[in-house]
Amino acid sequence: MKRLQTVFICMILFVAFVFACSSFSSNGERMIRGMNFDFSGNLPLTFRVSSQPNGKTLIAYFLYQNVDCYFLGVNQRGHFCTFQMVPNRYASRTQGKTDLSLFSFWEDALKNLPDYSEFEEILSTRRLKCEAGWSLHSLMADAFGNTYILEAGEKDNLITRQEQSAIALTNFYLYDYLQIPPRKIGSGFERYNSILKKISEIGEIANIDDAFDVLETALQTGEVRSELIAVFNASEPVLYIALDADLSKIWKVDFLNETVCDYRGFESPFFLDFSQTHQFSEKELSSLFDKK
């Protein structure tokens, strides 16, 4: 528990003034999720694979001051979990006996819960909190269409369940916005609108290319950059990833076959078996690309 909290505290302190990242969940014939992880600093990313009660679980993170800073988790069962920044609105809230760390709940839900259908019941007697006075929120979805946005409020949990075919999350409190829209409410509002507009234009997201088209509308290429663009087909389950804001090269993480391989844009095929590999880095994958 202490290590997990330290992980996220260090992450927050590093990216506190970036206020980036975008994600979405689309429920239909295929359950498709996506995320742009945006930040400045160009730190190398690492992908850790472990065996958990929910099967193979992958967590994406970067190293900061010798601490692993998580931002995305997916698993073999089809769970998809993000962490994204929101403004520090509830730093002065008092602690209570029913407080539950959002960070520890995130990890437990990713690794242990078979599905997310009982989130509201589980959290009905607990109050989510973030550490160190900072604030994150999370999009958490399973393979059965149970998708939630979890946010820690001043007195109560701010829980938004996906009721429509799609939902998006950027860097403002979605719960507050949905109470009295439409208005510009905070950081990421343009990205939020562009994602939902693109999904509306496409209709049901039927394939991976549709999902990347959605994320491309929120792509950042300036000082704050989309260092990772991830699409997860929870129905398969397969994770597709592009790095460094470059959608021309996409690689594929197949949980059932326990492999990482090229999907599109590479001159020659590459292959990495992670059945016995606990983690692999962006740098290691790049070296596979460079050899070709």
Protein backbone atom coordinates (compact mmCIF):
# COMPACT_ATOMS: atom_id res chain seq x y z
CA MET A 1 0.00 0.00 0.00
CA LYS A 2 2.70 2.50 1.01
CA ARG A 3 4.70 1.82 -2.15
CA LEU A 4 1.61 2.21 -4.33
CA GLN A 5 0.79 5.55 -2.78
CA THR A 6 4.39 6.70 -3.25
CA VAL A 7 4.18 5.69 -6.91
CA PHE A 8 1.25 7.96 -7.57
CA ILE A 9 2.41 10.83 -5.37
CA CYS A 10 5.63 11.08 -7.36
CA MET A 11 3.69 10.83 -10.59
CA ILE A 12 1.41 13.67 -9.56
CA LEU A 13 4.22 15.93 -8.44
CA PHE A 14 5.93 15.46 -11.78
CA VAL A 15 2.97 16.14 -14.06
CA ALA A 16 0.91 18.42 -11.83
CA PHE A 17 1.09 21.39 -14.16
CA VAL A 18 0.65 19.52 -17.43
CA PHE A 19 -3.09 18.78 -17.14
CA ALA A 20 -3.13 16.53 -20.19
CA CYS A 21 -4.27 13.03 -21.29
CA SER A 22 -7.48 11.95 -23.00
CA SER A 23 -9.40 8.68 -22.98
CA PHE A 24 -12.66 7.17 -24.16
CA SER A 25 -14.79 4.05 -23.86
CA SER A 26 -17.05 2.76 -26.62
CA ASN A 27 -19.55 -0.05 -25.99
CA GLY A 28 -21.07 -1.92 -28.91
CA GLU A 29 -20.55 -5.17 -30.76
CA ARG A 30 -16.91 -4.63 -29.85
CA MET A 31 -15.81 -3.05 -26.58
CA ILE A 32 -13.14 -0.53 -27.59
CA ARG A 33 -11.18 1.74 -25.25
CA GLY A 34 -8.50 4.30 -25.97
CA MET A 35 -6.07 6.70 -24.32
CA ASN A 36 -3.58 9.42 -25.25
CA PHE A 37 -0.96 9.76 -22.53
CA ASP A 38 0.33 13.33 -22.83
CA PHE A 39 3.14 14.96 -20.91
CA SER A 40 6.33 16.95 -21.36
CA GLY A 41 9.79 15.64 -20.57
CA ASN A 42 10.17 12.70 -22.98
CA LEU A 43 10.84 10.14 -20.26
CA PRO A 44 11.21 6.52 -21.45
CA LEU A 45 8.13 4.37 -20.93
CA THR A 46 8.12 0.82 -19.58
CA PHE A 47 5.49 -1.91 -19.80
CA ARG A 48 5.32 -4.41 -16.95
CA VAL A 49 3.52 -7.72 -17.42
CA SER A 50 2.57 -9.82 -14.40
CA SER A 51 0.33 -12.80 -13.66
CA GLN A 52 -2.65 -11.84 -11.48
CA PRO A 53 -6.00 -13.41 -10.53
CA ASN A 54 -7.38 -11.69 -13.65
CA GLY A 55 -4.70 -13.26 -15.85
CA LYS A 56 -1.86 -11.46 -17.54
CA THR A 57 -1.90 -7.80 -16.55
CA LEU A 58 0.05 -5.00 -18.24
CA ILE A 59 0.78 -1.69 -16.54
CA ALA A 60 2.42 1.17 -18.44
CA TYR A 61 4.57 3.55 -16.44
CA PHE A 62 7.61 5.81 -16.48
CA LEU A 63 10.44 6.06 -13.98
CA TYR A 64 10.80 9.29 -12.01
CA GLN A 65 13.30 9.68 -9.17
CA ASN A 66 13.64 5.89 -8.97
CA VAL A 67 9.89 5.41 -8.55
CA ASP A 68 7.56 3.65 -11.03
CA CYS A 69 4.76 6.04 -12.01
CA TYR A 70 1.73 4.21 -13.42
CA PHE A 71 -0.80 5.72 -15.86
CA LEU A 72 -2.44 2.85 -17.78
CA GLY A 73 -3.42 -0.72 -16.94
CA VAL A 74 -5.07 -3.45 -19.03
CA ASN A 75 -5.44 -7.19 -18.58
CA GLN A 76 -6.30 -10.50 -20.15
CA ARG A 77 -9.86 -10.37 -18.81
CA GLY A 78 -10.52 -7.16 -20.76
CA HIS A 79 -10.19 -4.54 -18.02
CA PHE A 80 -8.95 -1.06 -18.98
CA CYS A 81 -7.95 1.56 -16.38
CA THR A 82 -6.44 5.02 -16.74
CA PHE A 83 -5.21 7.77 -14.46
CA GLN A 84 -5.52 11.41 -15.59
CA MET A 85 -4.98 14.74 -13.90
CA VAL A 86 -7.71 17.07 -12.66
CA PRO A 87 -7.29 20.41 -10.81
CA ASN A 88 -6.51 20.34 -7.11
CA ARG A 89 -10.01 21.31 -5.97
CA TYR A 90 -10.40 19.29 -2.78
CA ALA A 91 -6.99 19.58 -1.15
CA SER A 92 -8.47 20.84 2.13
CA ARG A 93 -10.97 18.02 2.64
CA THR A 94 -10.72 16.33 6.01
CA GLN A 95 -9.79 12.68 6.42
CA GLY A 96 -12.36 10.16 7.53
CA LYS A 97 -12.56 6.56 8.74
CA THR A 98 -14.22 5.42 5.52
CA ASP A 99 -11.57 6.90 3.24
CA LEU A 100 -10.31 4.58 0.51
CA SER A 101 -7.30 5.40 -1.62
CA LEU A 102 -8.30 5.71 -5.25
CA PHE A 103 -4.84 4.38 -6.11
CA SER A 104 -5.23 1.15 -4.15
CA PHE A 105 -8.81 0.67 -5.44
CA TRP A 106 -7.51 1.13 -9.01
CA GLU A 107 -4.89 -1.56 -8.56
CA ASP A 108 -7.26 -3.98 -6.82
CA ALA A 109 -9.94 -3.55 -9.49
CA LEU A 110 -7.41 -4.09 -12.28
CA LYS A 111 -5.78 -7.16 -10.80
CA ASN A 112 -8.53 -8.88 -8.81
CA LEU A 113 -12.13 -7.92 -9.59
CA PRO A 114 -13.73 -10.21 -12.21
CA ASP A 115 -15.92 -7.35 -13.50
CA TYR A 116 -16.93 -3.80 -12.56
CA SER A 117 -20.70 -4.26 -12.25
CA GLU A 118 -20.68 -3.70 -8.48
CA PHE A 119 -18.53 -0.56 -8.31
CA GLU A 120 -21.34 1.58 -6.94
CA GLU A 121 -22.22 -0.95 -4.25
CA ILE A 122 -18.57 -1.44 -3.26
CA LEU A 123 -18.03 2.31 -2.96
CA SER A 124 -21.36 3.11 -1.29
CA THR A 125 -19.79 2.93 2.18
CA ARG A 126 -16.32 4.21 1.28
CA ARG A 127 -15.07 7.64 0.30
CA LEU A 128 -12.43 7.81 -2.42
CA LYS A 129 -9.44 10.03 -1.80
CA CYS A 130 -6.22 10.98 -3.54
CA GLU A 131 -2.90 11.36 -1.79
CA ALA A 132 -0.82 14.42 -0.94
CA GLY A 133 -3.59 16.92 -1.63
CA TRP A 134 -3.42 16.38 -5.39
CA SER A 135 -6.14 14.98 -7.58
CA LEU A 136 -6.48 12.36 -10.27
CA HIS A 137 -9.51 10.72 -11.77
CA SER A 138 -9.88 7.43 -13.59
CA LEU A 139 -11.75 5.84 -16.46
CA MET A 140 -12.27 2.17 -15.59
CA ALA A 141 -14.00 -0.29 -17.92
CA ASP A 142 -14.43 -4.06 -18.14
CA ALA A 143 -15.16 -6.26 -21.16
CA PHE A 144 -18.89 -6.43 -20.39
CA GLY A 145 -19.77 -2.77 -20.88
CA ASN A 146 -19.43 -1.66 -17.26
CA THR A 147 -17.60 1.65 -17.57
CA TYR A 148 -17.17 4.21 -14.81
CA ILE A 149 -15.47 7.54 -14.27
CA LEU A 150 -14.29 7.68 -10.65
CA GLU A 151 -13.55 11.06 -9.05
CA ALA A 152 -12.92 11.99 -5.43
CA GLY A 153 -15.22 14.79 -4.29
CA GLU A 154 -15.12 16.98 -1.20
CA LYS A 155 -17.69 14.96 0.75
CA ASP A 156 -18.87 12.22 -1.58
CA ASN A 157 -17.62 10.08 -4.41
CA LEU A 158 -18.28 11.53 -7.84
CA ILE A 159 -19.20 8.45 -9.85
CA THR A 160 -20.31 8.63 -13.47
CA ARG A 161 -21.50 5.45 -15.16
CA GLN A 162 -21.43 5.21 -18.94
CA GLU A 163 -25.07 5.11 -20.00
CA GLN A 164 -24.64 5.97 -23.69
CA SER A 165 -22.64 4.11 -26.32
CA ALA A 166 -19.56 6.23 -25.62
CA ILE A 167 -17.99 8.36 -22.91
CA ALA A 168 -14.82 10.49 -22.85
CA LEU A 169 -12.52 11.82 -20.15
CA THR A 170 -9.86 14.54 -20.21
CA ASN A 171 -8.82 16.85 -17.36
CA PHE A 172 -11.86 18.43 -15.79
CA TYR A 173 -14.35 16.92 -13.34
CA LEU A 174 -16.74 15.09 -15.63
CA TYR A 175 -19.35 14.56 -12.90
CA ASP A 176 -19.68 18.30 -12.32
CA TYR A 177 -19.84 19.07 -16.04
CA LEU A 178 -22.61 16.58 -16.72
CA GLN A 179 -24.83 18.18 -14.06
CA ILE A 180 -25.17 21.50 -15.88
CA PRO A 181 -23.72 21.39 -19.42
CA PRO A 182 -22.96 22.84 -21.87
CA ARG A 183 -20.18 25.23 -20.93
CA LYS A 184 -16.42 25.36 -21.03
CA ILE A 185 -15.43 23.95 -17.68
CA GLY A 186 -11.66 23.45 -17.63
CA SER A 187 -8.53 21.95 -19.09
CA GLY A 188 -9.11 19.49 -21.90
CA PHE A 189 -12.57 20.73 -22.85
CA GLU A 190 -11.68 21.01 -26.55
CA ARG A 191 -10.17 17.53 -26.58
CA TYR A 192 -13.25 16.15 -24.82
CA ASN A 193 -15.57 17.65 -27.42
CA SER A 194 -13.42 16.58 -30.37
CA ILE A 195 -13.42 12.96 -29.18
CA LEU A 196 -17.19 12.77 -28.77
CA LYS A 197 -17.77 14.61 -32.04
CA LYS A 198 -15.58 12.15 -33.94
CA ILE A 199 -17.29 9.17 -32.33
CA SER A 200 -20.66 10.65 -33.32
CA GLU A 201 -19.47 11.05 -36.91
CA ILE A 202 -18.19 7.46 -37.07
CA GLY A 203 -21.20 5.94 -35.34
CA GLU A 204 -20.28 2.69 -33.65
CA ILE A 205 -16.53 2.15 -33.43
CA ALA A 206 -16.19 -1.07 -35.37
CA ASN A 207 -12.42 -1.47 -35.67
CA ILE A 208 -9.03 -0.32 -34.48
CA ASP A 209 -8.60 2.26 -37.25
CA ASP A 210 -11.79 4.00 -36.12
CA ALA A 211 -10.43 4.15 -32.58
CA PHE A 212 -7.11 5.65 -33.65
CA ASP A 213 -9.00 8.20 -35.75
CA VAL A 214 -10.85 9.23 -32.60
CA LEU A 215 -7.66 9.62 -30.58
CA GLU A 216 -5.99 11.53 -33.41
CA THR A 217 -8.49 14.35 -32.93
CA ALA A 218 -7.03 14.89 -29.44
CA LEU A 219 -3.39 14.28 -30.38
CA GLN A 220 -0.87 16.75 -28.90
CA THR A 221 2.42 17.46 -30.66
CA GLY A 222 3.79 20.55 -28.92
CA GLU A 223 5.73 20.92 -25.67
CA VAL A 224 3.11 18.67 -24.14
CA ARG A 225 3.15 15.63 -26.40
CA SER A 226 1.15 12.44 -26.85
CA GLU A 227 3.95 10.10 -25.83
CA LEU A 228 1.68 7.05 -26.01
CA ILE A 229 -1.51 6.43 -28.00
CA ALA A 230 -3.23 3.22 -26.92
CA VAL A 231 -6.28 1.40 -28.26
CA PHE A 232 -7.62 -1.64 -26.42
CA ASN A 233 -10.02 -4.15 -27.92
CA ALA A 234 -11.42 -5.64 -24.73
CA SER A 235 -13.32 -8.28 -26.67
CA GLU A 236 -10.16 -10.03 -27.93
CA PRO A 237 -8.23 -8.83 -25.74
CA VAL A 238 -5.49 -7.01 -27.67
CA LEU A 239 -3.73 -3.71 -26.99
CA TYR A 240 -2.46 -1.56 -29.87
CA ILE A 241 0.13 1.13 -29.14
CA ALA A 242 1.80 3.98 -31.02
CA LEU A 243 4.60 6.02 -29.48
CA ASP A 244 5.83 9.61 -29.65
CA ALA A 245 2.71 11.01 -31.35
CA ASP A 246 3.48 8.89 -34.43
CA LEU A 247 0.45 6.98 -35.69
CA SER A 248 2.30 5.62 -38.72
CA LYS A 249 3.85 2.80 -36.65
CA ILE A 250 1.67 0.67 -34.43
CA TRP A 251 2.59 -2.40 -32.44
CA LYS A 252 0.35 -5.03 -30.96
CA VAL A 253 0.21 -6.71 -27.54
CA ASP A 254 -1.71 -9.98 -27.75
CA PHE A 255 -2.64 -11.27 -24.30
CA LEU A 256 -3.84 -14.69 -25.40
CA ASN A 257 -0.67 -15.47 -27.37
CA GLU A 258 1.53 -13.51 -24.92
CA THR A 259 3.37 -11.70 -27.69
CA VAL A 260 4.35 -8.20 -28.77
CA CYS A 261 4.65 -7.81 -32.53
CA ASP A 262 4.38 -5.32 -35.37
CA TYR A 263 0.89 -4.39 -36.49
CA ARG A 264 1.39 -1.65 -39.06
CA GLY A 265 4.04 0.65 -40.52
CA PHE A 266 7.25 -1.33 -39.97
CA GLU A 267 9.49 -2.39 -42.86
CA SER A 268 10.05 -5.87 -41.44
CA PRO A 269 8.21 -7.93 -38.84
CA PHE A 270 9.39 -8.19 -35.26
CA PHE A 271 8.32 -10.40 -32.40
CA LEU A 272 8.75 -10.45 -28.62
CA ASP A 273 7.54 -13.28 -26.38
CA PHE A 274 6.47 -11.95 -22.96
CA SER A 275 5.30 -15.27 -21.50
CA GLN A 276 8.51 -15.29 -19.46
CA THR A 277 9.30 -11.58 -19.65
CA HIS A 278 8.21 -9.45 -16.72
CA GLN A 279 8.71 -6.12 -18.43
CA PHE A 280 9.92 -4.52 -21.62
CA SER A 281 10.80 -0.93 -22.35
CA GLU A 282 10.14 1.49 -25.14
CA LYS A 283 13.89 1.49 -25.72
CA GLU A 284 14.01 -2.30 -26.10
CA LEU A 285 11.19 -2.21 -28.61
CA SER A 286 12.91 0.60 -30.51
CA SER A 287 16.03 -1.53 -30.77
CA LEU A 288 13.94 -4.25 -32.42
CA PHE A 289 12.68 -1.68 -34.92
CA ASP A 290 16.20 -0.38 -35.61
CA LYS A 291 17.55 -3.83 -36.42
CA LYS A 292 15.17 -4.19 -39.31
